[in-house]
Structure formats: structure tokens, C-alpha cells
Amino acid sequence: MRHRFSRAGFTLVELLVVIGIIALLISILLPSLNRAREQAYRVQCMSNERQILSAVLLYANQWKGMLPNCNWASSAALQTKRWPVPGPNGQPAPGPGWLYTEPNKKKQSDVEAGAIWPFLKTYQVYHCPRDLGPYLNAEPVHALTSYLMNGATHAYGGTYIDGQPAYRINKFKPDRALIWEPNDDSASFKSGGGWNDGSNRPDEGITKRHGNACHVGCFDGHVERMTLSDYQQELAKSPGRLWCNPGSVNGH
């Protein structure tokens, strides 16, 4: 006796229904996955900035409150001004900037000459995971880091009130901004923007890569998310959390 076996399979309609269900599930899950990934980027970025901030504060603690050079000094000034780094005779010697020693550096390894490298010893913390600047033929300093120092630490290029090459940390209120993520748009890459050295003025802008927000590290050691709107409000305050030069009445 012969038995007939029929082949079971999907009809075209059933196949289209399955494809439709899969597409629907993807459309529901994708936004959640994107949000989760963005949240992971923000957590990593804040962790990086917190480590950099901690390194700057450790440097200050090691050298009686003196903050490191913010890299606004020229290479000639770096050879003449005395920052608290150990010289051959144990006395303060010409010191490197917090980020690098010589200007116009572009190799990631150049950060190893910076004042905070001994406290970090890893390249990864210098870069926000969402920052493409180091890979887009950016300005030399942007190739080294995603974060810059507030130029208030060096009086925005003015005169320091205690006669030192940099302010001491106790001159600043705890909630004042020390480290942030500056403007990184394509126009900034072409014009030099705020990436010609290791420090910025507040009016040079901030990044918008974290949902129109950046991460700001403060003198008390905490890192917070600051929206573009909040940043603009703080920018209008003189003095304020951004404009915080201790030797100026208006913080500029």
C-alpha cells in the first residue's frame, strides 16, 4: 500500500504575516535599544570626565593646591614659568601643561607628557565614545581629547592674584566648572574653533552630541549633565559657574 506524504510549508500570506510581525517588533524595540546605547555612551563619557577631573584634583592635592598649567602658555613660557613638578634638585621645575607639553601635537601618545598622565595612564579616558573629532582630521588638540579645561584657572590669560603661574584650587567655589566638552561641530574643525590648545573660554561653546547637552566637571569633584539651555543661562552670569576667574569682579 502506498502512502502519500504532503510537504507542509508557509503560504505566501503566512510568510508576509511573519515578516510583518518581525518588522513591527523591530520598530518597537529599536528606539529602546537606541536609548539604551545612548545612555551607555553618556555613562562612559561621564566616567571618563570624572577620571580626568580626579587626576587634576590629585595633582593639585599633591602640589599644595596648585592647579596644573591649562596649556594656554606658549612652549617658551613652559620653559620659563615654574609649575610644581619635581626638578633635579627637588625644587619646582618648568612644568608641562595638564594635557601635553609642546603645542600643535596630534599623536595620542603626546598626552603621556601631560601633567595628569601619571594619574591616568590610559588613552581611552581622554575621549567621549560619541566624539568623532579624533578621526575627522580635527585640530591637533581635538585629536588628543574630547575634554578641555576652563581658562578661569589661568585668569583667561590675565594676571593671577597670587603671583603664581596658576591659581590654587582654594580660590574657586566648589560648584564652579573646571572641565567640560567644548564645541565640536564641523565648522569648529575648519576654523580651529576652541581646539587650538588645552583650555577654553566659556563663550567658545559646548558640544551638542549628548542630546543638546554636555558633561561638566566641577571643582568639588562631581560631573553633571548640562543642557545647552542651562549652559546659555550660566553663560549670562558674571560671575557665575562658568565665568569664575577669582581675580575679576565679573569672573571674566
Protein backbone atom coordinates (compact mmCIF):
# COMPACT_ATOMS: atom_id res chain seq x y z
CA MET A 1 0.00 0.00 0.00
CA ARG A 2 1.38 3.40 -0.99
CA HIS A 3 1.31 6.33 1.41
CA ARG A 4 1.29 9.88 0.23
CA PHE A 5 3.20 12.46 2.25
CA SER A 6 2.37 16.09 1.78
CA ARG A 7 5.01 18.78 2.32
CA ALA A 8 3.90 21.32 4.91
CA GLY A 9 5.11 24.90 4.30
CA PHE A 10 4.27 28.55 4.65
CA THR A 11 1.88 30.08 2.22
CA LEU A 12 2.78 33.48 0.80
CA VAL A 13 0.21 35.13 3.07
CA GLU A 14 1.59 33.43 6.17
CA LEU A 15 5.14 34.43 5.22
CA LEU A 16 4.11 38.06 4.78
CA VAL A 17 2.37 37.98 8.17
CA VAL A 18 5.56 36.67 9.85
CA ILE A 19 7.67 39.33 8.13
CA GLY A 20 5.18 42.00 9.21
CA ILE A 21 5.32 40.83 12.84
CA ILE A 22 9.14 40.85 12.81
CA ALA A 23 9.18 44.37 11.32
CA LEU A 24 6.70 45.54 13.96
CA LEU A 25 8.83 44.09 16.78
CA ILE A 26 11.95 45.77 15.39
CA SER A 27 10.17 49.12 15.15
CA ILE A 28 9.08 48.77 18.79
CA LEU A 29 12.45 47.61 20.13
CA LEU A 30 14.80 49.81 18.08
CA PRO A 31 14.05 53.11 19.88
CA SER A 32 14.55 51.36 23.22
CA LEU A 33 17.85 49.92 22.05
CA ASN A 34 18.98 53.33 20.78
CA ARG A 35 18.07 54.94 24.09
CA ALA A 36 19.94 52.24 25.99
CA ARG A 37 23.00 52.68 23.79
CA GLU A 38 22.91 56.47 24.18
CA GLN A 39 22.60 56.09 27.95
CA ALA A 40 25.64 53.80 27.92
CA TYR A 41 27.58 56.43 25.95
CA ARG A 42 26.64 59.10 28.48
CA VAL A 43 27.65 56.92 31.43
CA GLN A 44 31.02 56.16 29.81
CA CYS A 45 31.59 59.81 28.92
CA MET A 46 30.81 60.97 32.45
CA SER A 47 33.09 58.28 33.84
CA ASN A 48 35.93 59.46 31.57
CA GLU A 49 35.46 63.07 32.57
CA ARG A 50 35.26 62.13 36.25
CA GLN A 51 38.61 60.36 35.98
CA ILE A 52 40.22 63.35 34.24
CA LEU A 53 38.75 65.68 36.86
CA SER A 54 40.04 63.43 39.64
CA ALA A 55 43.52 63.46 38.08
CA VAL A 56 43.57 67.28 38.03
CA LEU A 57 42.43 67.38 41.67
CA LEU A 58 45.03 64.77 42.67
CA TYR A 59 47.71 66.89 41.02
CA ALA A 60 46.52 69.93 42.98
CA ASN A 61 46.46 67.93 46.20
CA GLN A 62 50.00 66.70 45.58
CA TRP A 63 51.33 70.21 44.95
CA LYS A 64 49.76 72.19 47.81
CA GLY A 65 46.66 73.22 45.88
CA MET A 66 48.41 74.50 42.76
CA LEU A 67 46.45 73.70 39.59
CA PRO A 68 48.35 72.48 36.52
CA ASN A 69 49.07 74.71 33.55
CA CYS A 70 45.97 74.74 31.36
CA ASN A 71 48.09 74.76 28.15
CA TRP A 72 47.44 78.41 27.34
CA ALA A 73 51.12 79.19 27.86
CA SER A 74 53.37 79.03 24.81
CA SER A 75 56.15 76.46 24.64
CA ALA A 76 58.62 79.25 25.51
CA ALA A 77 56.60 80.13 28.62
CA LEU A 78 56.50 76.48 29.61
CA GLN A 79 60.29 76.55 29.68
CA THR A 80 60.49 79.62 31.93
CA LYS A 81 57.46 79.57 34.24
CA ARG A 82 57.66 77.32 37.26
CA TRP A 83 54.90 74.80 37.86
CA PRO A 84 55.02 72.36 40.75
CA VAL A 85 56.74 69.38 39.20
CA PRO A 86 59.87 67.87 40.70
CA GLY A 87 63.15 69.19 39.29
CA PRO A 88 66.59 67.58 39.63
CA ASN A 89 67.20 69.30 42.96
CA GLY A 90 63.71 68.69 44.32
CA GLN A 91 62.62 72.28 43.63
CA PRO A 92 59.75 73.27 41.31
CA ALA A 93 60.79 72.99 37.66
CA PRO A 94 59.33 74.13 34.32
CA GLY A 95 56.16 72.10 34.10
CA PRO A 96 54.10 70.55 31.33
CA GLY A 97 50.52 71.51 30.57
CA TRP A 98 47.76 69.36 32.01
CA LEU A 99 47.24 67.76 28.57
CA TYR A 100 50.58 67.92 26.73
CA THR A 101 53.92 69.76 26.76
CA GLU A 102 54.54 71.23 23.32
CA PRO A 103 51.79 72.89 21.20
CA ASN A 104 50.41 71.51 17.91
CA LYS A 105 50.61 67.89 18.91
CA LYS A 106 48.44 65.33 17.17
CA LYS A 107 49.61 61.87 18.23
CA GLN A 108 47.59 60.33 21.04
CA SER A 109 50.82 59.35 22.78
CA ASP A 110 51.60 63.06 23.28
CA VAL A 111 49.29 63.08 26.30
CA GLU A 112 51.87 60.97 28.10
CA ALA A 113 53.88 64.17 28.58
CA GLY A 114 50.93 65.92 30.24
CA ALA A 115 50.83 66.68 33.95
CA ILE A 116 47.87 64.37 34.68
CA TRP A 117 49.05 61.32 32.72
CA PRO A 118 50.75 59.71 35.77
CA PHE A 119 47.31 59.59 37.45
CA LEU A 120 45.55 58.05 34.41
CA LYS A 121 47.93 56.06 32.19
CA THR A 122 45.25 55.15 29.66
CA TYR A 123 44.25 56.86 26.39
CA GLN A 124 40.61 55.78 26.48
CA VAL A 125 39.53 58.18 29.22
CA TYR A 126 40.57 61.17 27.11
CA HIS A 127 37.76 60.54 24.58
CA CYS A 128 33.97 60.58 24.72
CA PRO A 129 32.72 57.42 22.92
CA ARG A 130 30.48 59.59 20.72
CA ASP A 131 33.19 62.07 19.76
CA LEU A 132 34.38 61.56 16.17
CA GLY A 133 36.77 64.51 16.29
CA PRO A 134 39.92 62.41 16.65
CA TYR A 135 39.03 60.61 13.40
CA LEU A 136 37.93 63.55 11.24
CA ASN A 137 41.26 65.31 10.67
CA ALA A 138 40.41 67.56 13.58
CA GLU A 139 42.57 70.23 15.15
CA PRO A 140 45.62 68.78 16.94
CA VAL A 141 44.23 69.14 20.46
CA HIS A 142 40.91 67.54 19.49
CA ALA A 143 42.88 64.54 18.29
CA LEU A 144 44.13 64.17 21.86
CA THR A 145 40.97 64.63 23.89
CA SER A 146 37.23 65.37 23.95
CA TYR A 147 37.52 67.49 27.11
CA LEU A 148 39.11 70.87 27.86
CA MET A 149 39.81 72.93 30.97
CA ASN A 150 38.14 76.20 31.96
CA GLY A 151 40.54 79.06 31.21
CA ALA A 152 39.49 80.63 34.51
CA THR A 153 42.26 78.58 36.12
CA HIS A 154 44.70 80.93 34.38
CA ALA A 155 42.65 84.12 34.64
CA TYR A 156 41.61 83.80 30.97
CA GLY A 157 45.10 84.97 30.03
CA GLY A 158 45.16 87.84 32.55
CA THR A 159 47.08 88.46 35.76
CA TYR A 160 46.96 85.97 38.63
CA ILE A 161 46.10 87.39 42.03
CA ASP A 162 48.75 85.44 43.96
CA GLY A 163 51.72 85.94 41.63
CA GLN A 164 51.83 82.25 40.71
CA PRO A 165 51.74 80.81 37.17
CA ALA A 166 48.34 79.28 38.00
CA TYR A 167 45.63 79.71 40.62
CA ARG A 168 45.41 77.47 43.64
CA ILE A 169 42.28 75.35 43.83
CA ASN A 170 41.04 77.00 47.04
CA LYS A 171 40.43 80.21 45.06
CA PHE A 172 37.38 78.60 43.41
CA LYS A 173 33.93 77.79 44.77
CA PRO A 174 33.16 74.03 44.75
CA ASP A 175 30.35 74.19 42.14
CA ARG A 176 32.38 76.15 39.54
CA ALA A 177 33.08 74.43 36.20
CA LEU A 178 36.60 73.07 35.72
CA ILE A 179 36.32 70.58 32.81
CA TRP A 180 33.73 70.37 30.02
CA GLU A 181 33.04 69.10 26.48
CA PRO A 182 33.54 72.05 24.12
CA ASN A 183 32.05 72.76 20.71
CA ASP A 184 32.97 70.04 18.19
CA ASP A 185 30.95 70.81 15.05
CA SER A 186 32.48 70.67 11.58
CA ALA A 187 32.84 74.46 11.35
CA SER A 188 34.91 74.32 14.52
CA PHE A 189 37.21 71.76 12.89
CA LYS A 190 37.81 74.01 9.87
CA SER A 191 38.30 77.28 11.74
CA GLY A 192 40.30 75.92 14.65
CA GLY A 193 37.43 76.73 16.99
CA GLY A 194 38.32 76.07 20.59
CA TRP A 195 40.72 73.26 19.80
CA ASN A 196 43.99 75.16 19.38
CA ASP A 197 45.12 74.43 22.95
CA GLY A 198 44.07 72.61 26.12
CA SER A 199 41.70 75.20 27.58
CA ASN A 200 38.66 77.28 26.56
CA ARG A 201 36.67 80.34 27.47
CA PRO A 202 33.01 79.60 28.28
CA ASP A 203 31.82 81.63 25.27
CA GLU A 204 33.58 79.24 22.86
CA GLY A 205 30.60 76.90 23.21
CA ILE A 206 29.85 73.30 24.13
CA THR A 207 29.12 70.05 22.32
CA LYS A 208 25.57 69.02 21.42
CA ARG A 209 26.26 65.33 20.86
CA HIS A 210 24.51 64.19 24.06
CA GLY A 211 21.01 65.36 23.16
CA ASN A 212 21.93 69.06 23.01
CA ALA A 213 23.85 68.71 26.25
CA CYS A 214 27.38 68.28 27.54
CA HIS A 215 29.01 66.96 30.70
CA VAL A 216 30.64 69.41 33.09
CA GLY A 217 33.11 68.53 35.84
CA CYS A 218 33.31 70.86 38.84
CA PHE A 219 35.96 71.76 41.41
CA ASP A 220 34.29 69.65 44.11
CA GLY A 221 34.84 66.53 42.00
CA HIS A 222 31.32 65.88 40.68
CA VAL A 223 30.30 65.63 37.00
CA GLU A 224 26.86 66.70 35.80
CA ARG A 225 24.86 66.83 32.58
CA MET A 226 24.22 70.42 31.45
CA THR A 227 21.80 71.17 28.61
CA LEU A 228 22.54 73.83 26.02
CA SER A 229 19.77 75.97 27.52
CA ASP A 230 21.21 75.69 31.03
CA TYR A 231 24.68 76.45 29.68
CA GLN A 232 23.45 79.62 27.99
CA GLN A 233 21.79 80.74 31.22
CA GLU A 234 25.03 80.19 33.14
CA LEU A 235 27.00 81.95 30.41
CA ALA A 236 24.98 85.12 31.03
CA LYS A 237 26.02 85.21 34.70
CA SER A 238 29.08 87.32 35.55
CA PRO A 239 30.45 85.97 37.77
CA GLY A 240 28.92 82.51 37.72
CA ARG A 241 29.71 78.83 37.48
CA LEU A 242 31.36 79.29 34.07
CA TRP A 243 32.89 82.77 34.31
CA CYS A 244 34.74 82.21 37.56
CA ASN A 245 38.11 83.96 37.39
CA PRO A 246 38.84 84.63 41.09
CA GLY A 247 40.85 87.77 40.25
CA SER A 248 38.00 89.50 38.43
CA VAL A 249 34.87 91.15 39.84
CA ASN A 250 32.73 89.86 36.96
CA GLY A 251 34.51 86.49 36.70
CA HIS A 252 35.91 87.20 33.21
